[in-house]
């Protein structure tokens, strides 16, 4: 999808300015005070005068699909990422729960990739802990 957002107030970490923003295939191609394009039916034009365009947020510590034995999260990767997207968050870094005792270093990573596959609607990554050290982990 190609989109030209015109007359917006673009907000970044260090500035805000009135400008136009052109995306092609979901990637920002150009930002300029006034972008004029030849007639192109593949470009949707949005007049955002009086509106702000801000970068999506990143939530660096979520708990989706987590089960700690005595409690389990109510959100999975679908409901949790839909909720995040509705609030303007475009990326999460999920904290993986502990795996079974003695599991391989990649056990939980593989499990959480399976949880997220075909369910997450935004970008995601993982972080966790090394729950034990042995020769195979090292």
C-alpha atoms as a PDB file:
ATOM      1  CA  UNK A   1       0.000   0.000   0.000  1.00  0.00           C
ATOM      2  CA  UNK A   2       1.258   3.478  -0.904  1.00  0.00           C
ATOM      3  CA  UNK A   3       0.102   6.439   1.178  1.00  0.00           C
ATOM      4  CA  UNK A   4       0.750  10.168   1.003  1.00  0.00           C
ATOM      5  CA  UNK A   5      -0.119  11.932   4.247  1.00  0.00           C
ATOM      6  CA  UNK A   6      -0.423  15.660   3.620  1.00  0.00           C
ATOM      7  CA  UNK A   7      -0.428  18.677   5.953  1.00  0.00           C
ATOM      8  CA  UNK A   8       0.320  16.682   9.115  1.00  0.00           C
ATOM      9  CA  UNK A   9       2.281  17.721  12.154  1.00  0.00           C
ATOM     10  CA  UNK A  10       5.048  15.106  12.189  1.00  0.00           C
ATOM     11  CA  UNK A  11       6.442  14.434  15.654  1.00  0.00           C
ATOM     12  CA  UNK A  12       9.852  12.862  16.266  1.00  0.00           C
ATOM     13  CA  UNK A  13      12.025  12.521  19.358  1.00  0.00           C
ATOM     14  CA  UNK A  14      13.636  15.932  18.864  1.00  0.00           C
ATOM     15  CA  UNK A  15      11.244  18.012  16.765  1.00  0.00           C
ATOM     16  CA  UNK A  16       7.798  18.498  15.341  1.00  0.00           C
ATOM     17  CA  UNK A  17       7.030  20.126  12.017  1.00  0.00           C
ATOM     18  CA  UNK A  18       4.252  20.521   9.480  1.00  0.00           C
ATOM     19  CA  UNK A  19       5.139  18.267   6.568  1.00  0.00           C
ATOM     20  CA  UNK A  20       3.972  15.634   4.126  1.00  0.00           C
ATOM     21  CA  UNK A  21       4.993  11.990   4.434  1.00  0.00           C
ATOM     22  CA  UNK A  22       5.072   9.463   1.585  1.00  0.00           C
ATOM     23  CA  UNK A  23       5.183   5.717   2.217  1.00  0.00           C
ATOM     24  CA  UNK A  24       5.583   2.992  -0.379  1.00  0.00           C
ATOM     25  CA  UNK A  25       4.951  -0.611   0.597  1.00  0.00           C
ATOM     26  CA  UNK A  26       4.869   0.372   4.263  1.00  0.00           C
ATOM     27  CA  UNK A  27       8.253   2.121   4.254  1.00  0.00           C
ATOM     28  CA  UNK A  28       8.751   5.872   4.601  1.00  0.00           C
ATOM     29  CA  UNK A  29      10.154   7.048   1.285  1.00  0.00           C
ATOM     30  CA  UNK A  30      10.100  10.805   1.710  1.00  0.00           C
ATOM     31  CA  UNK A  31       9.311  13.609   4.147  1.00  0.00           C
ATOM     32  CA  UNK A  32       9.102  17.136   2.793  1.00  0.00           C
ATOM     33  CA  UNK A  33       7.172  20.386   3.352  1.00  0.00           C
ATOM     34  CA  UNK A  34       5.055  19.737   0.242  1.00  0.00           C
ATOM     35  CA  UNK A  35       5.058  16.521  -1.763  1.00  0.00           C
ATOM     36  CA  UNK A  36       3.272  16.671  -5.114  1.00  0.00           C
ATOM     37  CA  UNK A  37       2.836  13.480  -7.117  1.00  0.00           C
ATOM     38  CA  UNK A  38       1.494  12.885 -10.594  1.00  0.00           C
ATOM     39  CA  UNK A  39      -1.932  11.256 -10.655  1.00  0.00           C
ATOM     40  CA  UNK A  40      -1.359   7.738  -9.340  1.00  0.00           C
ATOM     41  CA  UNK A  41      -4.265   5.470  -8.355  1.00  0.00           C
ATOM     42  CA  UNK A  42      -1.893   3.278  -6.312  1.00  0.00           C
ATOM     43  CA  UNK A  43      -1.328   6.128  -3.812  1.00  0.00           C
ATOM     44  CA  UNK A  44      -3.951   6.879  -1.194  1.00  0.00           C
ATOM     45  CA  UNK A  45      -3.862  10.563  -0.216  1.00  0.00           C
ATOM     46  CA  UNK A  46      -4.857  11.515   3.327  1.00  0.00           C
ATOM     47  CA  UNK A  47      -5.325  15.146   4.348  1.00  0.00           C
ATOM     48  CA  UNK A  48      -4.117  15.175   7.967  1.00  0.00           C
ATOM     49  CA  UNK A  49      -4.383  18.937   8.553  1.00  0.00           C
ATOM     50  CA  UNK A  50      -4.834  19.544  12.276  1.00  0.00           C
ATOM     51  CA  UNK A  51      -3.636  16.019  13.125  1.00  0.00           C
ATOM     52  CA  UNK A  52      -0.400  14.555  14.434  1.00  0.00           C
ATOM     53  CA  UNK A  53       1.633  11.679  13.006  1.00  0.00           C
ATOM     54  CA  UNK A  54       3.845  10.103  15.641  1.00  0.00           C
ATOM     55  CA  UNK A  55       6.102   7.046  15.643  1.00  0.00           C
ATOM     56  CA  UNK A  56       4.637   3.871  17.085  1.00  0.00           C
ATOM     57  CA  UNK A  57       5.552   2.991  20.631  1.00  0.00           C
ATOM     58  CA  UNK A  58       7.746   0.105  21.739  1.00  0.00           C
ATOM     59  CA  UNK A  59       6.775  -1.827  24.873  1.00  0.00           C
ATOM     60  CA  UNK A  60       9.954  -3.551  26.033  1.00  0.00           C
ATOM     61  CA  UNK A  61       8.463  -5.799  28.709  1.00  0.00           C
ATOM     62  CA  UNK A  62       5.224  -7.671  28.062  1.00  0.00           C
ATOM     63  CA  UNK A  63       3.949 -11.035  29.311  1.00  0.00           C
ATOM     64  CA  UNK A  64       1.864 -12.843  26.700  1.00  0.00           C
ATOM     65  CA  UNK A  65       0.991 -16.546  26.915  1.00  0.00           C
ATOM     66  CA  UNK A  66       2.965 -16.747  30.158  1.00  0.00           C
ATOM     67  CA  UNK A  67       2.173 -19.515  32.633  1.00  0.00           C
ATOM     68  CA  UNK A  68       3.997 -19.399  35.970  1.00  0.00           C
ATOM     69  CA  UNK A  69       2.334 -22.477  37.406  1.00  0.00           C
ATOM     70  CA  UNK A  70       0.028 -20.705  39.842  1.00  0.00           C
ATOM     71  CA  UNK A  71      -1.189 -18.038  37.397  1.00  0.00           C
ATOM     72  CA  UNK A  72      -1.488 -17.550  33.662  1.00  0.00           C
ATOM     73  CA  UNK A  73      -1.745 -14.357  31.618  1.00  0.00           C
ATOM     74  CA  UNK A  74      -5.141 -13.661  30.114  1.00  0.00           C
ATOM     75  CA  UNK A  75      -3.612 -12.295  26.882  1.00  0.00           C
ATOM     76  CA  UNK A  76      -2.133 -14.370  24.101  1.00  0.00           C
ATOM     77  CA  UNK A  77      -0.175 -12.977  21.162  1.00  0.00           C
ATOM     78  CA  UNK A  78      -3.348 -12.102  19.260  1.00  0.00           C
ATOM     79  CA  UNK A  79      -5.309 -10.288  21.964  1.00  0.00           C
ATOM     80  CA  UNK A  80      -2.206  -8.685  23.467  1.00  0.00           C
ATOM     81  CA  UNK A  81      -0.844  -7.322  20.199  1.00  0.00           C
ATOM     82  CA  UNK A  82      -4.264  -6.127  18.999  1.00  0.00           C
ATOM     83  CA  UNK A  83      -4.615  -4.233  22.274  1.00  0.00           C
ATOM     84  CA  UNK A  84      -1.116  -2.800  21.887  1.00  0.00           C
ATOM     85  CA  UNK A  85      -1.823  -1.674  18.311  1.00  0.00           C
ATOM     86  CA  UNK A  86      -5.039   0.059  19.385  1.00  0.00           C
ATOM     87  CA  UNK A  87      -2.981   2.063  21.883  1.00  0.00           C
ATOM     88  CA  UNK A  88      -0.307   3.056  19.351  1.00  0.00           C
ATOM     89  CA  UNK A  89       2.297   0.437  20.242  1.00  0.00           C
ATOM     90  CA  UNK A  90       3.814  -1.100  17.109  1.00  0.00           C
ATOM     91  CA  UNK A  91       6.475  -3.354  18.671  1.00  0.00           C
ATOM     92  CA  UNK A  92       6.624  -5.470  21.818  1.00  0.00           C
ATOM     93  CA  UNK A  93       9.484  -7.316  23.475  1.00  0.00           C
ATOM     94  CA  UNK A  94       7.885 -10.201  25.325  1.00  0.00           C
ATOM     95  CA  UNK A  95       9.477 -11.702  28.428  1.00  0.00           C
ATOM     96  CA  UNK A  96       9.391 -15.459  27.998  1.00  0.00           C
ATOM     97  CA  UNK A  97       8.426 -17.551  30.992  1.00  0.00           C
ATOM     98  CA  UNK A  98      10.724 -20.214  32.407  1.00  0.00           C
ATOM     99  CA  UNK A  99      10.763 -23.589  30.706  1.00  0.00           C
ATOM    100  CA  UNK A 100      10.860 -27.012  32.297  1.00  0.00           C
ATOM    101  CA  UNK A 101      13.807 -27.800  34.546  1.00  0.00           C
ATOM    102  CA  UNK A 102      16.886 -28.731  32.558  1.00  0.00           C
ATOM    103  CA  UNK A 103      15.483 -27.594  29.200  1.00  0.00           C
ATOM    104  CA  UNK A 104      17.752 -26.472  26.370  1.00  0.00           C
ATOM    105  CA  UNK A 105      18.672 -22.820  25.939  1.00  0.00           C
ATOM    106  CA  UNK A 106      16.365 -22.543  22.889  1.00  0.00           C
ATOM    107  CA  UNK A 107      13.373 -24.421  24.329  1.00  0.00           C
ATOM    108  CA  UNK A 108      11.396 -21.358  25.391  1.00  0.00           C
ATOM    109  CA  UNK A 109      12.402 -19.332  22.338  1.00  0.00           C
ATOM    110  CA  UNK A 110      10.998 -22.026  20.042  1.00  0.00           C
ATOM    111  CA  UNK A 111       7.872 -22.293  22.180  1.00  0.00           C
ATOM    112  CA  UNK A 112       7.243 -18.540  22.115  1.00  0.00           C
ATOM    113  CA  UNK A 113       7.848 -18.313  18.373  1.00  0.00           C
ATOM    114  CA  UNK A 114       5.092 -20.926  18.033  1.00  0.00           C
ATOM    115  CA  UNK A 115       2.796 -18.870  20.315  1.00  0.00           C
ATOM    116  CA  UNK A 116       3.318 -15.731  18.196  1.00  0.00           C
ATOM    117  CA  UNK A 117       3.335 -17.306  14.725  1.00  0.00           C
ATOM    118  CA  UNK A 118       0.207 -16.331  12.773  1.00  0.00           C
ATOM    119  CA  UNK A 119      -1.224 -14.506  15.811  1.00  0.00           C
ATOM    120  CA  UNK A 120       0.835 -11.350  16.424  1.00  0.00           C
ATOM    121  CA  UNK A 121      -0.442  -8.334  14.479  1.00  0.00           C
ATOM    122  CA  UNK A 122       2.547  -6.079  15.257  1.00  0.00           C
ATOM    123  CA  UNK A 123       6.313  -6.569  15.379  1.00  0.00           C
ATOM    124  CA  UNK A 124       7.674  -8.561  18.288  1.00  0.00           C
ATOM    125  CA  UNK A 125      10.848  -9.831  19.863  1.00  0.00           C
ATOM    126  CA  UNK A 126      11.695 -11.758  23.012  1.00  0.00           C
ATOM    127  CA  UNK A 127      13.841 -11.476  26.080  1.00  0.00           C
ATOM    128  CA  UNK A 128      14.214 -13.821  28.989  1.00  0.00           C
ATOM    129  CA  UNK A 129      16.677 -15.311  31.365  1.00  0.00           C
ATOM    130  CA  UNK A 130      19.125 -18.158  31.301  1.00  0.00           C
ATOM    131  CA  UNK A 131      17.545 -20.333  33.953  1.00  0.00           C
ATOM    132  CA  UNK A 132      20.459 -22.721  34.493  1.00  0.00           C
ATOM    133  CA  UNK A 133      24.030 -23.196  33.336  1.00  0.00           C
ATOM    134  CA  UNK A 134      25.548 -26.513  32.349  1.00  0.00           C
ATOM    135  CA  UNK A 135      28.079 -27.664  29.755  1.00  0.00           C
ATOM    136  CA  UNK A 136      25.453 -27.868  26.973  1.00  0.00           C
ATOM    137  CA  UNK A 137      24.290 -24.291  27.656  1.00  0.00           C
ATOM    138  CA  UNK A 138      27.855 -22.989  27.711  1.00  0.00           C
END
